[in-house]
Amino acid sequence: MIESLLRLLALRPLLTIAIMGIPLLVLIVIGLAAIMLFKLLLFVVLPVAIGVWLLRRIFRGRPARSHEPVAEPVASV
């Protein structure tokens, strides 16, 4: 069975490419796309997210500057 399949694939190279080559090319393309998406996430999205988070954390604690005097709260009894 295997011997006849190998003989069939040896005699018909286009069939061999269709059976063996296309799935391998698809796997290679999917693997490269996954690697590129991981690199994009790691080197672009993650540093931007950390930078935004740090800037929000730094500037959130400061009170807004205004030219009006701040009124003291009135204690009610």
Protein backbone atom coordinates (compact mmCIF):
# COMPACT_ATOMS: atom_id res chain seq x y z
CA MET A 1 0.00 0.00 0.00
CA ILE A 2 2.68 2.49 1.03
CA GLU A 3 4.93 1.38 -1.79
CA SER A 4 2.22 1.99 -4.40
CA LEU A 5 1.44 5.40 -2.87
CA LEU A 6 5.12 6.38 -3.03
CA ARG A 7 5.33 5.20 -6.65
CA LEU A 8 2.20 7.24 -7.47
CA LEU A 9 3.67 10.35 -5.88
CA ALA A 10 7.03 9.81 -7.60
CA LEU A 11 5.42 9.54 -11.02
CA ARG A 12 3.15 12.57 -10.61
CA PRO A 13 5.13 15.50 -9.14
CA LEU A 14 2.22 17.97 -9.36
CA LEU A 15 0.08 15.63 -7.28
CA THR A 16 2.93 15.33 -4.80
CA ILE A 17 3.14 19.11 -4.51
CA ALA A 18 -0.61 19.38 -4.05
CA ILE A 19 -0.73 16.69 -1.38
CA MET A 20 2.46 17.51 0.53
CA GLY A 21 3.40 21.08 -0.37
CA ILE A 22 0.22 23.09 0.12
CA PRO A 23 -0.40 21.97 3.73
CA LEU A 24 3.23 22.66 4.57
CA LEU A 25 3.03 26.12 3.02
CA VAL A 26 -0.15 26.84 4.96
CA LEU A 27 1.51 25.77 8.22
CA ILE A 28 4.54 27.94 7.47
CA VAL A 29 2.36 30.98 6.72
CA ILE A 30 0.27 30.47 9.86
CA GLY A 31 3.42 30.10 11.95
CA LEU A 32 5.01 33.25 10.52
CA ALA A 33 1.80 35.22 11.03
CA ALA A 34 1.60 34.06 14.65
CA ILE A 35 5.21 35.08 15.26
CA MET A 36 4.64 38.52 13.70
CA LEU A 37 1.49 39.10 15.77
CA PHE A 38 3.35 38.08 18.93
CA LYS A 39 6.19 40.48 18.11
CA LEU A 40 3.70 43.28 17.41
CA LEU A 41 2.01 42.64 20.73
CA LEU A 42 5.28 42.41 22.65
CA PHE A 43 7.19 45.31 21.11
CA VAL A 44 4.43 47.78 20.15
CA VAL A 45 1.18 47.26 22.02
CA LEU A 46 2.61 46.33 25.41
CA PRO A 47 5.07 49.28 25.69
CA VAL A 48 2.37 51.74 24.61
CA ALA A 49 -0.07 50.30 27.15
CA ILE A 50 2.54 50.48 29.92
CA GLY A 51 3.40 54.07 28.96
CA VAL A 52 -0.25 55.16 29.01
CA TRP A 53 -0.78 53.39 32.32
CA LEU A 54 2.27 55.08 33.87
CA LEU A 55 1.30 58.53 32.58
CA ARG A 56 -2.23 58.16 33.92
CA ARG A 57 -0.89 56.98 37.25
CA ILE A 58 1.56 59.89 37.50
CA PHE A 59 -0.85 62.65 36.48
CA ARG A 60 -3.98 61.33 38.20
CA GLY A 61 -2.75 62.18 41.71
CA ARG A 62 -2.13 65.87 40.99
CA PRO A 63 -4.96 68.30 41.65
CA ALA A 64 -6.10 70.49 38.78
CA ARG A 65 -4.55 73.95 38.92
CA SER A 66 -7.04 76.78 38.95
CA HIS A 67 -6.73 80.49 39.59
CA GLU A 68 -9.70 80.54 41.93
CA PRO A 69 -9.09 80.03 45.63
CA VAL A 70 -10.33 76.76 46.98
CA ALA A 71 -13.18 77.18 49.45
CA GLU A 72 -12.85 75.44 52.78
CA PRO A 73 -15.52 72.85 53.48
CA VAL A 74 -18.18 74.00 55.93
CA ALA A 75 -18.72 71.73 58.89
CA SER A 76 -22.38 71.03 59.49
CA VAL A 77 -23.76 69.88 62.78
